[in-house]
Amino acid sequence: MWVASYFLAPGWVKWAVLATGLVWIGWRLWRAPRVFRRWGFAERDEDVYVTHGLWHRRLQCVPYGRMQLVEVASGPIEQRFGLSTVQMITSSTEGTVSIPGLSCVDAAALRDRLIARGELQQAGI
């Protein structure tokens, strides 16, 4: 439907859509480094803190006792740059807490540490 509307629209609408798309892509590329720098995590004795957000900061605390599964995922773009994402599946309503942008070696080491700490605290991992 959108494609048909685009081709049937007057010429100025096509240019406006194209300009809007280019501005949006430029905006996302300009702020991408700042968004990346705002991700962070801290491992503590009983939980993991994950924080992210450029304008609206979000701080999530994941107790080791709530973790049910810890996995390392890497999509095609992440694989191209040697990066991975650690995902902690929890028993809360939020479900999954992610830490993106880690090197593959660091992600595997973090996964192993989280699993070991969960087992020490007799968590559900």
N, C-alpha and C. Protein backbone atom coordinates (compact mmCIF):
# COMPACT_ATOMS: atom_id res chain seq x y z
N MET A 1 0.83 -1.18 0.00
CA MET A 1 0.00 0.00 0.00
C MET A 1 0.88 1.26 0.00
N TRP A 2 1.91 1.28 0.87
CA TRP A 2 2.78 2.45 0.94
C TRP A 2 3.57 2.63 -0.35
N VAL A 3 3.99 1.52 -0.93
CA VAL A 3 4.76 1.59 -2.16
C VAL A 3 3.90 2.14 -3.29
N ALA A 4 2.68 1.67 -3.38
CA ALA A 4 1.77 2.16 -4.42
C ALA A 4 1.48 3.64 -4.20
N SER A 5 1.28 4.05 -2.95
CA SER A 5 1.03 5.47 -2.66
C SER A 5 2.22 6.33 -3.04
N TYR A 6 3.41 5.81 -2.84
CA TYR A 6 4.61 6.56 -3.18
C TYR A 6 4.70 6.80 -4.69
N PHE A 7 4.44 5.76 -5.47
CA PHE A 7 4.56 5.89 -6.91
C PHE A 7 3.42 6.70 -7.53
N LEU A 8 2.27 6.75 -6.87
CA LEU A 8 1.14 7.52 -7.39
C LEU A 8 1.13 8.96 -6.88
N ALA A 9 2.00 9.28 -5.95
CA ALA A 9 2.03 10.63 -5.37
C ALA A 9 2.66 11.62 -6.34
N PRO A 10 2.35 12.92 -6.15
CA PRO A 10 3.00 13.94 -6.98
C PRO A 10 4.51 13.97 -6.74
N GLY A 11 5.25 14.59 -7.64
CA GLY A 11 6.70 14.62 -7.57
C GLY A 11 7.26 15.24 -6.31
N TRP A 12 6.65 16.32 -5.81
CA TRP A 12 7.19 16.99 -4.63
C TRP A 12 7.06 16.11 -3.39
N VAL A 13 6.05 15.24 -3.34
CA VAL A 13 5.88 14.35 -2.19
C VAL A 13 7.01 13.33 -2.16
N LYS A 14 7.40 12.84 -3.35
CA LYS A 14 8.49 11.87 -3.41
C LYS A 14 9.79 12.49 -2.89
N TRP A 15 10.06 13.72 -3.30
CA TRP A 15 11.27 14.40 -2.83
C TRP A 15 11.21 14.69 -1.33
N ALA A 16 10.02 15.03 -0.83
CA ALA A 16 9.87 15.29 0.60
C ALA A 16 10.11 14.01 1.41
N VAL A 17 9.58 12.88 0.93
CA VAL A 17 9.79 11.60 1.61
C VAL A 17 11.27 11.23 1.59
N LEU A 18 11.91 11.41 0.43
CA LEU A 18 13.33 11.11 0.31
C LEU A 18 14.17 12.00 1.23
N ALA A 19 13.87 13.29 1.27
CA ALA A 19 14.61 14.22 2.13
C ALA A 19 14.42 13.87 3.61
N THR A 20 13.19 13.55 3.98
CA THR A 20 12.91 13.18 5.36
C THR A 20 13.69 11.91 5.75
N GLY A 21 13.71 10.94 4.84
CA GLY A 21 14.45 9.71 5.11
C GLY A 21 15.94 9.96 5.26
N LEU A 22 16.50 10.81 4.41
CA LEU A 22 17.92 11.12 4.50
C LEU A 22 18.27 11.88 5.78
N VAL A 23 17.40 12.80 6.18
CA VAL A 23 17.62 13.54 7.43
C VAL A 23 17.56 12.58 8.62
N TRP A 24 16.60 11.67 8.60
CA TRP A 24 16.47 10.71 9.70
C TRP A 24 17.70 9.80 9.78
N ILE A 25 18.18 9.31 8.64
CA ILE A 25 19.37 8.46 8.63
C ILE A 25 20.59 9.24 9.12
N GLY A 26 20.72 10.48 8.66
CA GLY A 26 21.84 11.33 9.11
C GLY A 26 21.79 11.57 10.61
N TRP A 27 20.62 11.82 11.13
CA TRP A 27 20.45 12.04 12.57
C TRP A 27 20.86 10.80 13.36
N ARG A 28 20.43 9.62 12.89
CA ARG A 28 20.78 8.37 13.58
C ARG A 28 22.29 8.11 13.53
N LEU A 29 22.92 8.38 12.40
CA LEU A 29 24.36 8.19 12.29
C LEU A 29 25.13 9.18 13.14
N TRP A 30 24.65 10.41 13.24
CA TRP A 30 25.33 11.43 14.03
C TRP A 30 25.30 11.10 15.51
N ARG A 31 24.18 10.57 16.00
CA ARG A 31 24.09 10.31 17.44
C ARG A 31 24.47 8.89 17.83
N ALA A 32 24.75 8.02 16.88
CA ALA A 32 25.09 6.63 17.18
C ALA A 32 26.28 6.49 18.13
N PRO A 33 27.38 7.24 17.94
CA PRO A 33 28.49 7.09 18.89
C PRO A 33 28.11 7.48 20.32
N ARG A 34 27.29 8.51 20.47
CA ARG A 34 26.87 8.91 21.82
C ARG A 34 25.98 7.86 22.45
N VAL A 35 25.09 7.27 21.67
CA VAL A 35 24.22 6.21 22.20
C VAL A 35 25.06 5.02 22.65
N PHE A 36 26.06 4.66 21.85
CA PHE A 36 26.93 3.53 22.19
C PHE A 36 27.69 3.79 23.49
N ARG A 37 28.20 5.01 23.66
CA ARG A 37 28.97 5.33 24.87
C ARG A 37 28.11 5.33 26.13
N ARG A 38 26.80 5.45 25.99
CA ARG A 38 25.92 5.50 27.16
C ARG A 38 25.54 4.12 27.70
N TRP A 39 25.94 3.04 27.01
CA TRP A 39 25.71 1.69 27.52
C TRP A 39 26.77 1.39 28.57
N GLY A 40 26.37 0.72 29.64
CA GLY A 40 27.34 0.32 30.65
C GLY A 40 26.78 -0.78 31.52
N PHE A 41 27.67 -1.50 32.17
CA PHE A 41 27.24 -2.53 33.10
C PHE A 41 28.27 -2.65 34.21
N ALA A 42 27.82 -3.13 35.36
CA ALA A 42 28.70 -3.34 36.51
C ALA A 42 28.29 -4.64 37.19
N GLU A 43 29.26 -5.50 37.41
CA GLU A 43 29.02 -6.75 38.13
C GLU A 43 29.27 -6.50 39.61
N ARG A 44 28.30 -6.89 40.42
CA ARG A 44 28.47 -6.80 41.87
C ARG A 44 28.38 -8.20 42.46
N ASP A 45 28.45 -8.30 43.78
CA ASP A 45 28.45 -9.61 44.42
C ASP A 45 27.13 -10.36 44.23
N GLU A 46 26.01 -9.65 44.25
CA GLU A 46 24.72 -10.31 44.20
C GLU A 46 23.89 -9.98 42.97
N ASP A 47 24.34 -9.02 42.15
CA ASP A 47 23.54 -8.62 41.01
C ASP A 47 24.40 -7.95 39.94
N VAL A 48 23.77 -7.66 38.82
CA VAL A 48 24.42 -6.97 37.70
C VAL A 48 23.60 -5.72 37.40
N TYR A 49 24.27 -4.58 37.28
CA TYR A 49 23.61 -3.35 36.88
C TYR A 49 23.86 -3.11 35.40
N VAL A 50 22.81 -2.78 34.66
CA VAL A 50 22.92 -2.43 33.25
C VAL A 50 22.25 -1.07 33.07
N THR A 51 22.97 -0.14 32.43
CA THR A 51 22.42 1.19 32.21
C THR A 51 22.57 1.57 30.74
N HIS A 52 21.58 2.29 30.24
CA HIS A 52 21.63 2.75 28.85
C HIS A 52 20.61 3.88 28.67
N GLY A 53 20.70 4.54 27.55
CA GLY A 53 19.76 5.60 27.21
C GLY A 53 20.47 6.93 27.04
N LEU A 54 20.14 7.61 25.97
CA LEU A 54 20.76 8.90 25.68
C LEU A 54 20.04 10.02 26.40
N TRP A 55 18.75 10.13 26.21
CA TRP A 55 17.99 11.19 26.86
C TRP A 55 17.28 10.68 28.11
N HIS A 56 16.74 9.50 28.03
CA HIS A 56 16.06 8.90 29.18
C HIS A 56 16.92 7.75 29.67
N ARG A 57 17.65 7.98 30.73
CA ARG A 57 18.55 6.97 31.28
C ARG A 57 17.72 5.87 31.94
N ARG A 58 18.15 4.64 31.74
CA ARG A 58 17.48 3.50 32.34
C ARG A 58 18.52 2.66 33.07
N LEU A 59 18.26 2.34 34.31
CA LEU A 59 19.14 1.51 35.12
C LEU A 59 18.37 0.25 35.51
N GLN A 60 18.90 -0.90 35.11
CA GLN A 60 18.28 -2.17 35.44
C GLN A 60 19.20 -2.96 36.35
N CYS A 61 18.64 -3.54 37.38
CA CYS A 61 19.39 -4.37 38.30
C CYS A 61 18.88 -5.80 38.15
N VAL A 62 19.79 -6.71 37.83
CA VAL A 62 19.42 -8.11 37.63
C VAL A 62 20.09 -8.95 38.71
N PRO A 63 19.32 -9.41 39.70
CA PRO A 63 19.90 -10.30 40.71
C PRO A 63 20.24 -11.66 40.09
N TYR A 64 21.34 -12.25 40.54
CA TYR A 64 21.74 -13.55 40.00
C TYR A 64 20.66 -14.60 40.22
N GLY A 65 19.89 -14.47 41.28
CA GLY A 65 18.82 -15.42 41.58
C GLY A 65 17.66 -15.35 40.60
N ARG A 66 17.55 -14.26 39.84
CA ARG A 66 16.47 -14.11 38.86
C ARG A 66 16.86 -14.58 37.47
N MET A 67 18.14 -14.78 37.24
CA MET A 67 18.59 -15.19 35.91
C MET A 67 18.24 -16.65 35.67
N GLN A 68 17.60 -16.89 34.54
CA GLN A 68 17.27 -18.25 34.16
C GLN A 68 18.17 -18.77 33.05
N LEU A 69 18.65 -17.85 32.22
CA LEU A 69 19.47 -18.24 31.08
C LEU A 69 20.38 -17.08 30.71
N VAL A 70 21.62 -17.39 30.39
CA VAL A 70 22.56 -16.38 29.90
C VAL A 70 23.08 -16.89 28.57
N GLU A 71 22.90 -16.08 27.52
CA GLU A 71 23.35 -16.51 26.20
C GLU A 71 24.11 -15.40 25.50
N VAL A 72 24.95 -15.80 24.57
CA VAL A 72 25.71 -14.87 23.75
C VAL A 72 25.17 -14.97 22.34
N ALA A 73 24.74 -13.83 21.79
CA ALA A 73 24.19 -13.79 20.44
C ALA A 73 25.02 -12.84 19.59
N SER A 74 25.10 -13.14 18.31
CA SER A 74 25.85 -12.31 17.39
C SER A 74 25.20 -12.38 16.02
N GLY A 75 24.63 -11.26 15.57
CA GLY A 75 24.01 -11.19 14.26
C GLY A 75 25.05 -10.99 13.17
N PRO A 76 24.62 -10.91 11.92
CA PRO A 76 25.58 -10.80 10.82
C PRO A 76 26.43 -9.53 10.86
N ILE A 77 25.85 -8.41 11.25
CA ILE A 77 26.63 -7.17 11.32
C ILE A 77 27.59 -7.23 12.49
N GLU A 78 27.14 -7.76 13.63
CA GLU A 78 28.02 -7.91 14.78
C GLU A 78 29.17 -8.87 14.46
N GLN A 79 28.88 -9.94 13.76
CA GLN A 79 29.93 -10.90 13.39
C GLN A 79 30.97 -10.24 12.50
N ARG A 80 30.53 -9.37 11.61
CA ARG A 80 31.45 -8.69 10.69
C ARG A 80 32.48 -7.87 11.46
N PHE A 81 32.07 -7.29 12.60
CA PHE A 81 32.97 -6.45 13.39
C PHE A 81 33.51 -7.16 14.63
N GLY A 82 33.24 -8.44 14.77
CA GLY A 82 33.76 -9.22 15.90
C GLY A 82 33.10 -8.88 17.23
N LEU A 83 31.83 -8.53 17.20
CA LEU A 83 31.10 -8.14 18.41
C LEU A 83 30.03 -9.17 18.74
N SER A 84 29.59 -9.13 19.99
CA SER A 84 28.52 -10.02 20.46
C SER A 84 27.66 -9.29 21.47
N THR A 85 26.48 -9.86 21.73
CA THR A 85 25.56 -9.34 22.72
C THR A 85 25.30 -10.42 23.76
N VAL A 86 25.44 -10.07 25.03
CA VAL A 86 25.11 -10.99 26.11
C VAL A 86 23.67 -10.71 26.53
N GLN A 87 22.85 -11.75 26.51
CA GLN A 87 21.45 -11.60 26.89
C GLN A 87 21.19 -12.41 28.15
N MET A 88 20.60 -11.76 29.15
CA MET A 88 20.24 -12.42 30.39
C MET A 88 18.73 -12.54 30.42
N ILE A 89 18.23 -13.75 30.32
CA ILE A 89 16.80 -13.99 30.39
C ILE A 89 16.46 -14.18 31.85
N THR A 90 15.51 -13.37 32.32
CA THR A 90 15.17 -13.37 33.75
C THR A 90 13.75 -13.87 33.97
N SER A 91 13.40 -14.03 35.22
CA SER A 91 12.06 -14.45 35.58
C SER A 91 11.15 -13.27 35.88
N SER A 92 11.55 -12.08 35.45
CA SER A 92 10.72 -10.90 35.69
C SER A 92 9.82 -10.64 34.49
N THR A 93 8.98 -9.64 34.60
CA THR A 93 8.09 -9.29 33.50
C THR A 93 8.84 -8.64 32.34
N GLU A 94 9.99 -8.04 32.61
CA GLU A 94 10.80 -7.45 31.54
C GLU A 94 11.35 -8.52 30.61
N GLY A 95 11.67 -9.68 31.15
CA GLY A 95 12.10 -10.79 30.32
C GLY A 95 13.58 -10.85 30.04
N THR A 96 14.11 -9.95 29.19
CA THR A 96 15.49 -10.04 28.74
C THR A 96 16.22 -8.73 28.99
N VAL A 97 17.43 -8.84 29.49
CA VAL A 97 18.32 -7.69 29.66
C VAL A 97 19.54 -7.96 28.80
N SER A 98 19.89 -7.00 27.94
CA SER A 98 20.99 -7.20 27.00
C SER A 98 22.14 -6.26 27.26
N ILE A 99 23.34 -6.75 26.98
CA ILE A 99 24.56 -5.94 27.00
C ILE A 99 25.20 -6.08 25.62
N PRO A 100 24.98 -5.12 24.72
CA PRO A 100 25.51 -5.23 23.36
C PRO A 100 26.91 -4.65 23.22
N GLY A 101 27.55 -4.97 22.10
CA GLY A 101 28.80 -4.33 21.73
C GLY A 101 30.04 -4.86 22.40
N LEU A 102 30.00 -6.05 22.96
CA LEU A 102 31.19 -6.64 23.58
C LEU A 102 31.95 -7.45 22.54
N SER A 103 33.25 -7.53 22.69
CA SER A 103 34.01 -8.42 21.81
C SER A 103 33.59 -9.86 22.12
N CYS A 104 33.79 -10.74 21.17
CA CYS A 104 33.36 -12.14 21.35
C CYS A 104 34.02 -12.79 22.55
N VAL A 105 35.29 -12.50 22.77
CA VAL A 105 36.03 -13.07 23.91
C VAL A 105 35.48 -12.52 25.23
N ASP A 106 35.26 -11.20 25.29
CA ASP A 106 34.71 -10.59 26.50
C ASP A 106 33.30 -11.08 26.79
N ALA A 107 32.49 -11.25 25.75
CA ALA A 107 31.12 -11.73 25.93
C ALA A 107 31.11 -13.16 26.49
N ALA A 108 31.97 -14.02 25.96
CA ALA A 108 32.04 -15.39 26.48
C ALA A 108 32.53 -15.42 27.92
N ALA A 109 33.51 -14.57 28.24
CA ALA A 109 34.01 -14.51 29.62
C ALA A 109 32.93 -13.99 30.57
N LEU A 110 32.18 -12.97 30.15
CA LEU A 110 31.10 -12.43 30.98
C LEU A 110 30.03 -13.49 31.19
N ARG A 111 29.67 -14.22 30.14
CA ARG A 111 28.68 -15.29 30.26
C ARG A 111 29.14 -16.32 31.28
N ASP A 112 30.39 -16.73 31.21
CA ASP A 112 30.91 -17.74 32.14
C ASP A 112 30.91 -17.22 33.58
N ARG A 113 31.29 -15.95 33.77
CA ARG A 113 31.28 -15.37 35.12
C ARG A 113 29.86 -15.30 35.68
N LEU A 114 28.91 -14.89 34.85
CA LEU A 114 27.52 -14.79 35.32
C LEU A 114 26.98 -16.17 35.69
N ILE A 115 27.29 -17.17 34.89
CA ILE A 115 26.82 -18.53 35.19
C ILE A 115 27.47 -19.04 36.47
N ALA A 116 28.76 -18.80 36.64
CA ALA A 116 29.46 -19.25 37.85
C ALA A 116 28.89 -18.58 39.10
N ARG A 117 28.65 -17.27 39.02
CA ARG A 117 28.08 -16.58 40.20
C ARG A 117 26.66 -17.04 40.47
N GLY A 118 25.91 -17.32 39.42
CA GLY A 118 24.55 -17.84 39.62
C GLY A 118 24.57 -19.20 40.29
N GLU A 119 25.51 -20.05 39.90
CA GLU A 119 25.62 -21.37 40.52
C GLU A 119 26.07 -21.27 41.97
N LEU A 120 26.96 -20.32 42.27
CA LEU A 120 27.40 -20.13 43.66
C LEU A 120 26.24 -19.72 44.54
N GLN A 121 25.35 -18.93 44.00
CA GLN A 121 24.21 -18.46 44.80
C GLN A 121 23.00 -19.36 44.62
N GLN A 122 23.20 -20.50 44.00
CA GLN A 122 22.13 -21.49 43.77
C GLN A 122 20.96 -20.86 43.05
N ALA A 123 21.28 -20.11 42.00
CA ALA A 123 20.25 -19.48 41.19
C ALA A 123 19.70 -20.49 40.18
N GLY A 124 18.71 -20.08 39.42
CA GLY A 124 18.06 -20.99 38.50
C GLY A 124 18.70 -21.10 37.14
N ILE A 125 20.02 -20.90 37.04
CA ILE A 125 20.69 -21.01 35.74
C ILE A 125 20.93 -22.46 35.41
